[in-house]
């Protein structure tokens, strides 16, 4: 699986506190990437409940929440199919609940 980030995600990430970035990376390593490898994006298996992944209403954008407490940790992403027919996961935003205003 390929991953890319939007410029907005890169700005959000750069502005986030080191602890926030650490918790995001930890959630990726321990839960998100193993789920992707197991087929969660293809719906071959379910996403880990700890990540609270759900599709935002009337969009193709997904939300991932790894913490509801300080720091509130959320990220949005979608999947694009490349010209080669392979999927690419696009990280769109990262931050707190405010990212849902412009996911």
PDB file of N, CA and C in Angstrom:
ATOM      1  N   UNK A   1       0.842  -1.181   0.000  1.00  0.00           N
ATOM      2  CA  UNK A   1       0.000   0.000   0.000  1.00  0.00           C
ATOM      3  C   UNK A   1       0.883   1.239   0.000  1.00  0.00           C
ATOM      4  N   UNK A   2       0.594   2.104  -0.916  1.00  0.00           N
ATOM      5  CA  UNK A   2       1.306   3.386  -0.970  1.00  0.00           C
ATOM      6  C   UNK A   2       0.557   4.406  -0.120  1.00  0.00           C
ATOM      7  N   UNK A   3       1.316   5.344   0.438  1.00  0.00           N
ATOM      8  CA  UNK A   3       0.752   6.414   1.251  1.00  0.00           C
ATOM      9  C   UNK A   3       1.310   7.741   0.754  1.00  0.00           C
ATOM     10  N   UNK A   4       0.439   8.736   0.646  1.00  0.00           N
ATOM     11  CA  UNK A   4       0.885  10.097   0.375  1.00  0.00           C
ATOM     12  C   UNK A   4       0.141  11.025   1.321  1.00  0.00           C
ATOM     13  N   UNK A   5       0.626  12.244   1.436  1.00  0.00           N
ATOM     14  CA  UNK A   5      -0.035  13.233   2.275  1.00  0.00           C
ATOM     15  C   UNK A   5      -0.368  14.461   1.441  1.00  0.00           C
ATOM     16  N   UNK A   6      -1.453  15.115   1.813  1.00  0.00           N
ATOM     17  CA  UNK A   6      -1.800  16.376   1.178  1.00  0.00           C
ATOM     18  C   UNK A   6      -0.944  17.479   1.805  1.00  0.00           C
ATOM     19  N   UNK A   7      -0.805  18.611   1.120  1.00  0.00           N
ATOM     20  CA  UNK A   7      -0.088  19.740   1.740  1.00  0.00           C
ATOM     21  C   UNK A   7      -0.732  20.163   3.064  1.00  0.00           C
ATOM     22  N   UNK A   8      -2.051  20.069   3.147  1.00  0.00           N
ATOM     23  CA  UNK A   8      -2.750  20.448   4.382  1.00  0.00           C
ATOM     24  C   UNK A   8      -2.357  19.514   5.528  1.00  0.00           C
ATOM     25  N   UNK A   9      -2.281  18.210   5.240  1.00  0.00           N
ATOM     26  CA  UNK A   9      -1.851  17.257   6.264  1.00  0.00           C
ATOM     27  C   UNK A   9      -0.436  17.594   6.727  1.00  0.00           C
ATOM     28  N   UNK A  10       0.447  17.873   5.779  1.00  0.00           N
ATOM     29  CA  UNK A  10       1.837  18.189   6.122  1.00  0.00           C
ATOM     30  C   UNK A  10       1.907  19.415   7.033  1.00  0.00           C
ATOM     31  N   UNK A  11       1.111  20.433   6.744  1.00  0.00           N
ATOM     32  CA  UNK A  11       1.090  21.635   7.599  1.00  0.00           C
ATOM     33  C   UNK A  11       0.527  21.308   8.983  1.00  0.00           C
ATOM     34  N   UNK A  12      -0.597  20.563   9.001  1.00  0.00           N
ATOM     35  CA  UNK A  12      -1.194  20.167  10.283  1.00  0.00           C
ATOM     36  C   UNK A  12      -0.180  19.385  11.124  1.00  0.00           C
ATOM     37  N   UNK A  13       0.483  18.433  10.493  1.00  0.00           N
ATOM     38  CA  UNK A  13       1.435  17.572  11.187  1.00  0.00           C
ATOM     39  C   UNK A  13       2.606  18.393  11.732  1.00  0.00           C
ATOM     40  N   UNK A  14       3.130  19.293  10.917  1.00  0.00           N
ATOM     41  CA  UNK A  14       4.269  20.115  11.344  1.00  0.00           C
ATOM     42  C   UNK A  14       3.913  21.010  12.525  1.00  0.00           C
ATOM     43  N   UNK A  15       2.661  21.454  12.590  1.00  0.00           N
ATOM     44  CA  UNK A  15       2.218  22.331  13.670  1.00  0.00           C
ATOM     45  C   UNK A  15       1.843  21.582  14.940  1.00  0.00           C
ATOM     46  N   UNK A  16       1.686  20.271  14.830  1.00  0.00           N
ATOM     47  CA  UNK A  16       1.229  19.506  15.993  1.00  0.00           C
ATOM     48  C   UNK A  16       2.365  19.322  17.002  1.00  0.00           C
ATOM     49  N   UNK A  17       1.977  19.107  18.233  1.00  0.00           N
ATOM     50  CA  UNK A  17       2.948  18.908  19.308  1.00  0.00           C
ATOM     51  C   UNK A  17       3.680  17.582  19.113  1.00  0.00           C
ATOM     52  N   UNK A  18       4.926  17.496  19.559  1.00  0.00           N
ATOM     53  CA  UNK A  18       5.679  16.241  19.430  1.00  0.00           C
ATOM     54  C   UNK A  18       4.938  15.040  20.015  1.00  0.00           C
ATOM     55  N   UNK A  19       4.257  15.228  21.137  1.00  0.00           N
ATOM     56  CA  UNK A  19       3.508  14.131  21.752  1.00  0.00           C
ATOM     57  C   UNK A  19       2.382  13.655  20.829  1.00  0.00           C
ATOM     58  N   UNK A  20       1.732  14.600  20.166  1.00  0.00           N
ATOM     59  CA  UNK A  20       0.655  14.269  19.234  1.00  0.00           C
ATOM     60  C   UNK A  20       1.205  13.442  18.064  1.00  0.00           C
ATOM     61  N   UNK A  21       2.322  13.862  17.520  1.00  0.00           N
ATOM     62  CA  UNK A  21       2.952  13.123  16.415  1.00  0.00           C
ATOM     63  C   UNK A  21       3.371  11.726  16.866  1.00  0.00           C
ATOM     64  N   UNK A  22       3.905  11.626  18.063  1.00  0.00           N
ATOM     65  CA  UNK A  22       4.332  10.327  18.586  1.00  0.00           C
ATOM     66  C   UNK A  22       3.149   9.372  18.721  1.00  0.00           C
ATOM     67  N   UNK A  23       2.028   9.873  19.252  1.00  0.00           N
ATOM     68  CA  UNK A  23       0.847   9.034  19.420  1.00  0.00           C
ATOM     69  C   UNK A  23       0.262   8.600  18.075  1.00  0.00           C
ATOM     70  N   UNK A  24       0.304   9.488  17.082  1.00  0.00           N
ATOM     71  CA  UNK A  24      -0.159   9.140  15.738  1.00  0.00           C
ATOM     72  C   UNK A  24       0.711   8.030  15.149  1.00  0.00           C
ATOM     73  N   UNK A  25       2.019   8.200  15.220  1.00  0.00           N
ATOM     74  CA  UNK A  25       2.941   7.183  14.696  1.00  0.00           C
ATOM     75  C   UNK A  25       2.754   5.849  15.416  1.00  0.00           C
ATOM     76  N   UNK A  26       2.534   5.905  16.711  1.00  0.00           N
ATOM     77  CA  UNK A  26       2.304   4.689  17.491  1.00  0.00           C
ATOM     78  C   UNK A  26       1.017   3.994  17.032  1.00  0.00           C
ATOM     79  N   UNK A  27      -0.054   4.762  16.815  1.00  0.00           N
ATOM     80  CA  UNK A  27      -1.320   4.190  16.347  1.00  0.00           C
ATOM     81  C   UNK A  27      -1.141   3.560  14.965  1.00  0.00           C
ATOM     82  N   UNK A  28      -0.343   4.215  14.113  1.00  0.00           N
ATOM     83  CA  UNK A  28      -0.071   3.647  12.785  1.00  0.00           C
ATOM     84  C   UNK A  28       0.650   2.313  12.902  1.00  0.00           C
ATOM     85  N   UNK A  29       1.744   2.301  13.648  1.00  0.00           N
ATOM     86  CA  UNK A  29       2.564   1.081  13.776  1.00  0.00           C
ATOM     87  C   UNK A  29       1.812  -0.070  14.426  1.00  0.00           C
ATOM     88  N   UNK A  30       1.129   0.227  15.522  1.00  0.00           N
ATOM     89  CA  UNK A  30       0.536  -0.838  16.325  1.00  0.00           C
ATOM     90  C   UNK A  30      -0.826  -1.312  15.842  1.00  0.00           C
ATOM     91  N   UNK A  31      -1.585  -0.439  15.165  1.00  0.00           N
ATOM     92  CA  UNK A  31      -2.956  -0.805  14.815  1.00  0.00           C
ATOM     93  C   UNK A  31      -3.302  -0.608  13.337  1.00  0.00           C
ATOM     94  N   UNK A  32      -3.006   0.582  12.797  1.00  0.00           N
ATOM     95  CA  UNK A  32      -3.454   0.906  11.443  1.00  0.00           C
ATOM     96  C   UNK A  32      -2.762   0.054  10.381  1.00  0.00           C
ATOM     97  N   UNK A  33      -1.438   0.070  10.371  1.00  0.00           N
ATOM     98  CA  UNK A  33      -0.716  -0.676   9.325  1.00  0.00           C
ATOM     99  C   UNK A  33      -0.960  -2.179   9.383  1.00  0.00           C
ATOM    100  N   UNK A  34      -0.990  -2.799  10.574  1.00  0.00           N
ATOM    101  CA  UNK A  34      -1.344  -4.220  10.601  1.00  0.00           C
ATOM    102  C   UNK A  34      -2.749  -4.486  10.038  1.00  0.00           C
ATOM    103  N   UNK A  35      -3.694  -3.575  10.298  1.00  0.00           N
ATOM    104  CA  UNK A  35      -5.047  -3.745   9.759  1.00  0.00           C
ATOM    105  C   UNK A  35      -5.057  -3.616   8.235  1.00  0.00           C
ATOM    106  N   UNK A  36      -4.279  -2.664   7.713  1.00  0.00           N
ATOM    107  CA  UNK A  36      -4.176  -2.515   6.252  1.00  0.00           C
ATOM    108  C   UNK A  36      -3.594  -3.788   5.645  1.00  0.00           C
ATOM    109  N   UNK A  37      -2.521  -4.303   6.251  1.00  0.00           N
ATOM    110  CA  UNK A  37      -1.912  -5.540   5.746  1.00  0.00           C
ATOM    111  C   UNK A  37      -2.881  -6.722   5.812  1.00  0.00           C
ATOM    112  N   UNK A  38      -3.788  -6.703   6.779  1.00  0.00           N
ATOM    113  CA  UNK A  38      -4.765  -7.789   6.923  1.00  0.00           C
ATOM    114  C   UNK A  38      -5.973  -7.626   6.004  1.00  0.00           C
ATOM    115  N   UNK A  39      -6.061  -6.484   5.320  1.00  0.00           N
ATOM    116  CA  UNK A  39      -7.137  -6.298   4.349  1.00  0.00           C
ATOM    117  C   UNK A  39      -8.278  -5.402   4.770  1.00  0.00           C
ATOM    118  N   UNK A  40      -8.097  -4.570   5.782  1.00  0.00           N
ATOM    119  CA  UNK A  40      -9.185  -3.705   6.238  1.00  0.00           C
ATOM    120  C   UNK A  40      -9.638  -2.719   5.161  1.00  0.00           C
ATOM    121  N   UNK A  41      -8.710  -2.212   4.353  1.00  0.00           N
ATOM    122  CA  UNK A  41      -9.111  -1.293   3.277  1.00  0.00           C
ATOM    123  C   UNK A  41      -9.961  -1.990   2.225  1.00  0.00           C
ATOM    124  N   UNK A  42      -9.715  -3.271   2.024  1.00  0.00           N
ATOM    125  CA  UNK A  42     -10.489  -4.055   1.050  1.00  0.00           C
ATOM    126  C   UNK A  42     -11.739  -4.646   1.679  1.00  0.00           C
ATOM    127  N   UNK A  43     -11.918  -4.379   2.964  1.00  0.00           N
ATOM    128  CA  UNK A  43     -13.034  -4.910   3.751  1.00  0.00           C
ATOM    129  C   UNK A  43     -12.971  -6.423   3.904  1.00  0.00           C
ATOM    130  N   UNK A  44     -11.747  -6.972   3.816  1.00  0.00           N
ATOM    131  CA  UNK A  44     -11.543  -8.398   4.072  1.00  0.00           C
ATOM    132  C   UNK A  44     -11.596  -8.685   5.567  1.00  0.00           C
ATOM    133  N   UNK A  45     -11.362  -7.664   6.360  1.00  0.00           N
ATOM    134  CA  UNK A  45     -11.403  -7.764   7.815  1.00  0.00           C
ATOM    135  C   UNK A  45     -11.877  -6.424   8.356  1.00  0.00           C
ATOM    136  N   UNK A  46     -12.173  -6.374   9.627  1.00  0.00           N
ATOM    137  CA  UNK A  46     -12.639  -5.118  10.214  1.00  0.00           C
ATOM    138  C   UNK A  46     -11.455  -4.300  10.735  1.00  0.00           C
ATOM    139  N   UNK A  47     -11.683  -3.011  10.873  1.00  0.00           N
ATOM    140  CA  UNK A  47     -10.687  -2.128  11.464  1.00  0.00           C
ATOM    141  C   UNK A  47     -10.644  -2.377  12.970  1.00  0.00           C
ATOM    142  N   UNK A  48      -9.498  -2.165  13.597  1.00  0.00           N
ATOM    143  CA  UNK A  48      -9.426  -2.297  15.056  1.00  0.00           C
ATOM    144  C   UNK A  48     -10.352  -1.269  15.721  1.00  0.00           C
ATOM    145  N   UNK A  49     -11.110  -1.722  16.693  1.00  0.00           N
ATOM    146  CA  UNK A  49     -12.044  -0.831  17.388  1.00  0.00           C
ATOM    147  C   UNK A  49     -11.321   0.339  18.050  1.00  0.00           C
ATOM    148  N   UNK A  50     -10.057   0.137  18.436  1.00  0.00           N
ATOM    149  CA  UNK A  50      -9.300   1.199  19.110  1.00  0.00           C
ATOM    150  C   UNK A  50      -9.090   2.422  18.226  1.00  0.00           C
ATOM    151  N   UNK A  51      -9.188   2.265  16.899  1.00  0.00           N
ATOM    152  CA  UNK A  51      -8.961   3.393  15.990  1.00  0.00           C
ATOM    153  C   UNK A  51     -10.250   4.126  15.615  1.00  0.00           C
ATOM    154  N   UNK A  52     -11.392   3.542  15.923  1.00  0.00           N
ATOM    155  CA  UNK A  52     -12.684   4.191  15.662  1.00  0.00           C
ATOM    156  C   UNK A  52     -12.785   4.710  14.223  1.00  0.00           C
ATOM    157  N   UNK A  53     -12.397   3.913  13.263  1.00  0.00           N
ATOM    158  CA  UNK A  53     -12.424   4.332  11.855  1.00  0.00           C
ATOM    159  C   UNK A  53     -13.859   4.256  11.340  1.00  0.00           C
ATOM    160  N   UNK A  54     -14.284   5.341  10.707  1.00  0.00           N
ATOM    161  CA  UNK A  54     -15.612   5.380  10.093  1.00  0.00           C
ATOM    162  C   UNK A  54     -15.590   6.321   8.893  1.00  0.00           C
ATOM    163  N   UNK A  55     -16.525   6.112   8.003  1.00  0.00           N
ATOM    164  CA  UNK A  55     -16.651   6.946   6.820  1.00  0.00           C
ATOM    165  C   UNK A  55     -17.483   8.171   7.179  1.00  0.00           C
ATOM    166  N   UNK A  56     -17.017   9.350   6.769  1.00  0.00           N
ATOM    167  CA  UNK A  56     -17.767  10.569   7.020  1.00  0.00           C
ATOM    168  C   UNK A  56     -18.983  10.601   6.102  1.00  0.00           C
ATOM    169  N   UNK A  57     -20.093  11.082   6.611  1.00  0.00           N
ATOM    170  CA  UNK A  57     -21.352  11.078   5.865  1.00  0.00           C
ATOM    171  C   UNK A  57     -21.222  11.747   4.505  1.00  0.00           C
ATOM    172  N   UNK A  58     -21.777  11.077   3.505  1.00  0.00           N
ATOM    173  CA  UNK A  58     -21.886  11.601   2.136  1.00  0.00           C
ATOM    174  C   UNK A  58     -20.546  11.987   1.521  1.00  0.00           C
ATOM    175  N   UNK A  59     -19.473  11.292   1.912  1.00  0.00           N
ATOM    176  CA  UNK A  59     -18.151  11.545   1.338  1.00  0.00           C
ATOM    177  C   UNK A  59     -17.447  10.204   1.120  1.00  0.00           C
ATOM    178  N   UNK A  60     -16.279  10.279   0.523  1.00  0.00           N
ATOM    179  CA  UNK A  60     -15.417   9.094   0.410  1.00  0.00           C
ATOM    180  C   UNK A  60     -14.252   9.200   1.397  1.00  0.00           C
ATOM    181  N   UNK A  61     -14.408  10.070   2.391  1.00  0.00           N
ATOM    182  CA  UNK A  61     -13.372  10.350   3.376  1.00  0.00           C
ATOM    183  C   UNK A  61     -13.627   9.540   4.641  1.00  0.00           C
ATOM    184  N   UNK A  62     -12.548   8.975   5.167  1.00  0.00           N
ATOM    185  CA  UNK A  62     -12.612   8.216   6.414  1.00  0.00           C
ATOM    186  C   UNK A  62     -11.947   9.007   7.533  1.00  0.00           C
ATOM    187  N   UNK A  63     -12.395   8.733   8.743  1.00  0.00           N
ATOM    188  CA  UNK A  63     -11.825   9.355   9.927  1.00  0.00           C
ATOM    189  C   UNK A  63     -11.229   8.273  10.811  1.00  0.00           C
ATOM    190  N   UNK A  64     -10.105   8.584  11.418  1.00  0.00           N
ATOM    191  CA  UNK A  64      -9.468   7.700  12.376  1.00  0.00           C
ATOM    192  C   UNK A  64      -9.266   8.497  13.665  1.00  0.00           C
ATOM    193  N   UNK A  65      -9.696   7.938  14.780  1.00  0.00           N
ATOM    194  CA  UNK A  65      -9.520   8.584  16.079  1.00  0.00           C
ATOM    195  C   UNK A  65      -8.742   7.634  16.975  1.00  0.00           C
ATOM    196  N   UNK A  66      -7.627   8.091  17.477  1.00  0.00           N
ATOM    197  CA  UNK A  66      -6.846   7.234  18.371  1.00  0.00           C
ATOM    198  C   UNK A  66      -6.832   7.761  19.798  1.00  0.00           C
ATOM    199  N   UNK A  67      -7.385   8.963  20.019  1.00  0.00           N
ATOM    200  CA  UNK A  67      -7.445   9.498  21.367  1.00  0.00           C
ATOM    201  C   UNK A  67      -8.547  10.550  21.459  1.00  0.00           C
ATOM    202  N   UNK A  68      -9.403  10.418  22.476  1.00  0.00           N
ATOM    203  CA  UNK A  68     -10.428  11.423  22.738  1.00  0.00           C
ATOM    204  C   UNK A  68      -9.980  12.386  23.833  1.00  0.00           C
ATOM    205  N   UNK A  69      -8.886  12.054  24.483  1.00  0.00           N
ATOM    206  CA  UNK A  69      -8.404  12.886  25.586  1.00  0.00           C
ATOM    207  C   UNK A  69      -7.194  13.681  25.121  1.00  0.00           C
ATOM    208  N   UNK A  70      -6.669  14.492  25.982  1.00  0.00           N
ATOM    209  CA  UNK A  70      -5.548  15.351  25.619  1.00  0.00           C
ATOM    210  C   UNK A  70      -4.295  14.518  25.335  1.00  0.00           C
ATOM    211  N   UNK A  71      -3.702  14.644  24.166  1.00  0.00           N
ATOM    212  CA  UNK A  71      -4.210  15.412  23.034  1.00  0.00           C
ATOM    213  C   UNK A  71      -5.249  14.622  22.254  1.00  0.00           C
ATOM    214  N   UNK A  72      -6.318  15.311  21.875  1.00  0.00           N
ATOM    215  CA  UNK A  72      -7.373  14.751  21.040  1.00  0.00           C
ATOM    216  C   UNK A  72      -6.725  14.384  19.701  1.00  0.00           C
ATOM    217  N   UNK A  73      -6.738  13.119  19.321  1.00  0.00           N
ATOM    218  CA  UNK A  73      -6.019  12.684  18.134  1.00  0.00           C
ATOM    219  C   UNK A  73      -6.905  12.110  17.051  1.00  0.00           C
ATOM    220  N   UNK A  74      -6.965  12.811  15.920  1.00  0.00           N
ATOM    221  CA  UNK A  74      -7.786  12.383  14.793  1.00  0.00           C
ATOM    222  C   UNK A  74      -7.061  12.659  13.488  1.00  0.00           C
ATOM    223  N   UNK A  75      -7.393  11.872  12.483  1.00  0.00           N
ATOM    224  CA  UNK A  75      -6.849  12.096  11.142  1.00  0.00           C
ATOM    225  C   UNK A  75      -7.906  11.667  10.132  1.00  0.00           C
ATOM    226  N   UNK A  76      -7.860  12.279   8.954  1.00  0.00           N
ATOM    227  CA  UNK A  76      -8.759  11.876   7.880  1.00  0.00           C
ATOM    228  C   UNK A  76      -7.941  11.387   6.700  1.00  0.00           C
ATOM    229  N   UNK A  77      -8.550  10.475   5.936  1.00  0.00           N
ATOM    230  CA  UNK A  77      -7.876   9.923   4.769  1.00  0.00           C
ATOM    231  C   UNK A  77      -8.907   9.436   3.761  1.00  0.00           C
ATOM    232  N   UNK A  78      -8.459   9.251   2.537  1.00  0.00           N
ATOM    233  CA  UNK A  78      -9.267   8.594   1.520  1.00  0.00           C
ATOM    234  C   UNK A  78      -8.344   7.710   0.689  1.00  0.00           C
ATOM    235  N   UNK A  79      -8.931   6.896  -0.151  1.00  0.00           N
ATOM    236  CA  UNK A  79      -8.160   5.989  -0.989  1.00  0.00           C
ATOM    237  C   UNK A  79      -8.401   6.349  -2.449  1.00  0.00           C
ATOM    238  N   UNK A  80      -7.311   6.466  -3.203  1.00  0.00           N
ATOM    239  CA  UNK A  80      -7.377   6.713  -4.643  1.00  0.00           C
ATOM    240  C   UNK A  80      -6.817   5.503  -5.366  1.00  0.00           C
ATOM    241  N   UNK A  81      -7.360   5.229  -6.525  1.00  0.00           N
ATOM    242  CA  UNK A  81      -6.824   4.164  -7.370  1.00  0.00           C
ATOM    243  C   UNK A  81      -5.963   4.825  -8.437  1.00  0.00           C
ATOM    244  N   UNK A  82      -4.698   4.436  -8.485  1.00  0.00           N
ATOM    245  CA  UNK A  82      -3.756   5.025  -9.431  1.00  0.00           C
ATOM    246  C   UNK A  82      -3.967   4.521 -10.847  1.00  0.00           C
ATOM    247  N   UNK A  83      -3.262   5.119 -11.774  1.00  0.00           N
ATOM    248  CA  UNK A  83      -3.335   4.708 -13.182  1.00  0.00           C
ATOM    249  C   UNK A  83      -2.917   3.257 -13.359  1.00  0.00           C
ATOM    250  N   UNK A  84      -2.108   2.773 -12.434  1.00  0.00           N
ATOM    251  CA  UNK A  84      -1.663   1.380 -12.497  1.00  0.00           C
ATOM    252  C   UNK A  84      -2.672   0.427 -11.853  1.00  0.00           C
ATOM    253  N   UNK A  85      -3.803   0.982 -11.377  1.00  0.00           N
ATOM    254  CA  UNK A  85      -4.840   0.162 -10.768  1.00  0.00           C
ATOM    255  C   UNK A  85      -4.617  -0.165  -9.310  1.00  0.00           C
ATOM    256  N   UNK A  86      -3.529   0.334  -8.737  1.00  0.00           N
ATOM    257  CA  UNK A  86      -3.220   0.046  -7.339  1.00  0.00           C
ATOM    258  C   UNK A  86      -3.709   1.182  -6.439  1.00  0.00           C
ATOM    259  N   UNK A  87      -4.156   0.838  -5.224  1.00  0.00           N
ATOM    260  CA  UNK A  87      -4.666   1.868  -4.321  1.00  0.00           C
ATOM    261  C   UNK A  87      -3.546   2.668  -3.653  1.00  0.00           C
ATOM    262  N   UNK A  88      -3.853   3.925  -3.400  1.00  0.00           N
ATOM    263  CA  UNK A  88      -2.976   4.810  -2.637  1.00  0.00           C
ATOM    264  C   UNK A  88      -3.805   5.431  -1.531  1.00  0.00           C
ATOM    265  N   UNK A  89      -3.330   5.338  -0.308  1.00  0.00           N
ATOM    266  CA  UNK A  89      -3.995   5.964   0.816  1.00  0.00           C
ATOM    267  C   UNK A  89      -3.497   7.399   0.911  1.00  0.00           C
ATOM    268  N   UNK A  90      -4.418   8.345   0.947  1.00  0.00           N
ATOM    269  CA  UNK A  90      -4.082   9.770   0.984  1.00  0.00           C
ATOM    270  C   UNK A  90      -4.472  10.334   2.350  1.00  0.00           C
ATOM    271  N   UNK A  91      -3.472  10.704   3.143  1.00  0.00           N
ATOM    272  CA  UNK A  91      -3.732  11.357   4.427  1.00  0.00           C
ATOM    273  C   UNK A  91      -4.108  12.800   4.145  1.00  0.00           C
ATOM    274  N   UNK A  92      -5.265  13.247   4.635  1.00  0.00           N
ATOM    275  CA  UNK A  92      -5.811  14.568   4.327  1.00  0.00           C
ATOM    276  C   UNK A  92      -5.593  15.600   5.429  1.00  0.00           C
ATOM    277  N   UNK A  93      -5.931  15.235   6.676  1.00  0.00           N
ATOM    278  CA  UNK A  93      -5.825  16.154   7.809  1.00  0.00           C
ATOM    279  C   UNK A  93      -5.389  15.385   9.033  1.00  0.00           C
ATOM    280  N   UNK A  94      -4.834  16.093  10.005  1.00  0.00           N
ATOM    281  CA  UNK A  94      -4.507  15.513  11.309  1.00  0.00           C
ATOM    282  C   UNK A  94      -4.657  16.618  12.334  1.00  0.00           C
ATOM    283  N   UNK A  95      -5.156  16.257  13.498  1.00  0.00           N
ATOM    284  CA  UNK A  95      -5.327  17.244  14.554  1.00  0.00           C
ATOM    285  C   UNK A  95      -6.377  16.797  15.541  1.00  0.00           C
ATOM    286  N   UNK A  96      -7.239  17.762  15.937  1.00  0.00           N
ATOM    287  CA  UNK A  96      -8.304  17.446  16.877  1.00  0.00           C
ATOM    288  C   UNK A  96      -9.645  17.473  16.140  1.00  0.00           C
ATOM    289  N   UNK A  97     -10.725  17.544  16.884  1.00  0.00           N
ATOM    290  CA  UNK A  97     -12.063  17.491  16.297  1.00  0.00           C
ATOM    291  C   UNK A  97     -12.285  18.589  15.246  1.00  0.00           C
ATOM    292  N   UNK A  98     -11.551  19.676  15.312  1.00  0.00           N
ATOM    293  CA  UNK A  98     -11.701  20.789  14.362  1.00  0.00           C
ATOM    294  C   UNK A  98     -11.415  20.393  12.918  1.00  0.00           C
ATOM    295  N   UNK A  99     -10.679  19.310  12.695  1.00  0.00           N
ATOM    296  CA  UNK A  99     -10.355  18.931  11.310  1.00  0.00           C
ATOM    297  C   UNK A  99     -11.610  18.548  10.520  1.00  0.00           C
ATOM    298  N   UNK A 100     -12.708  18.250  11.212  1.00  0.00           N
ATOM    299  CA  UNK A 100     -13.930  17.849  10.517  1.00  0.00           C
ATOM    300  C   UNK A 100     -14.613  19.017   9.813  1.00  0.00           C
ATOM    301  N   UNK A 101     -14.234  20.247  10.155  1.00  0.00           N
ATOM    302  CA  UNK A 101     -14.802  21.388   9.458  1.00  0.00           C
ATOM    303  C   UNK A 101     -14.411  21.385   7.992  1.00  0.00           C
ATOM    304  N   UNK A 102     -13.180  20.980   7.691  1.00  0.00           N
ATOM    305  CA  UNK A 102     -12.678  20.862   6.308  1.00  0.00           C
ATOM    306  C   UNK A 102     -11.836  19.593   6.242  1.00  0.00           C
ATOM    307  N   UNK A 103     -12.510  18.424   6.196  1.00  0.00           N
ATOM    308  CA  UNK A 103     -11.778  17.159   6.323  1.00  0.00           C
ATOM    309  C   UNK A 103     -10.857  16.888   5.153  1.00  0.00           C
TER     310      UNK A 103
END
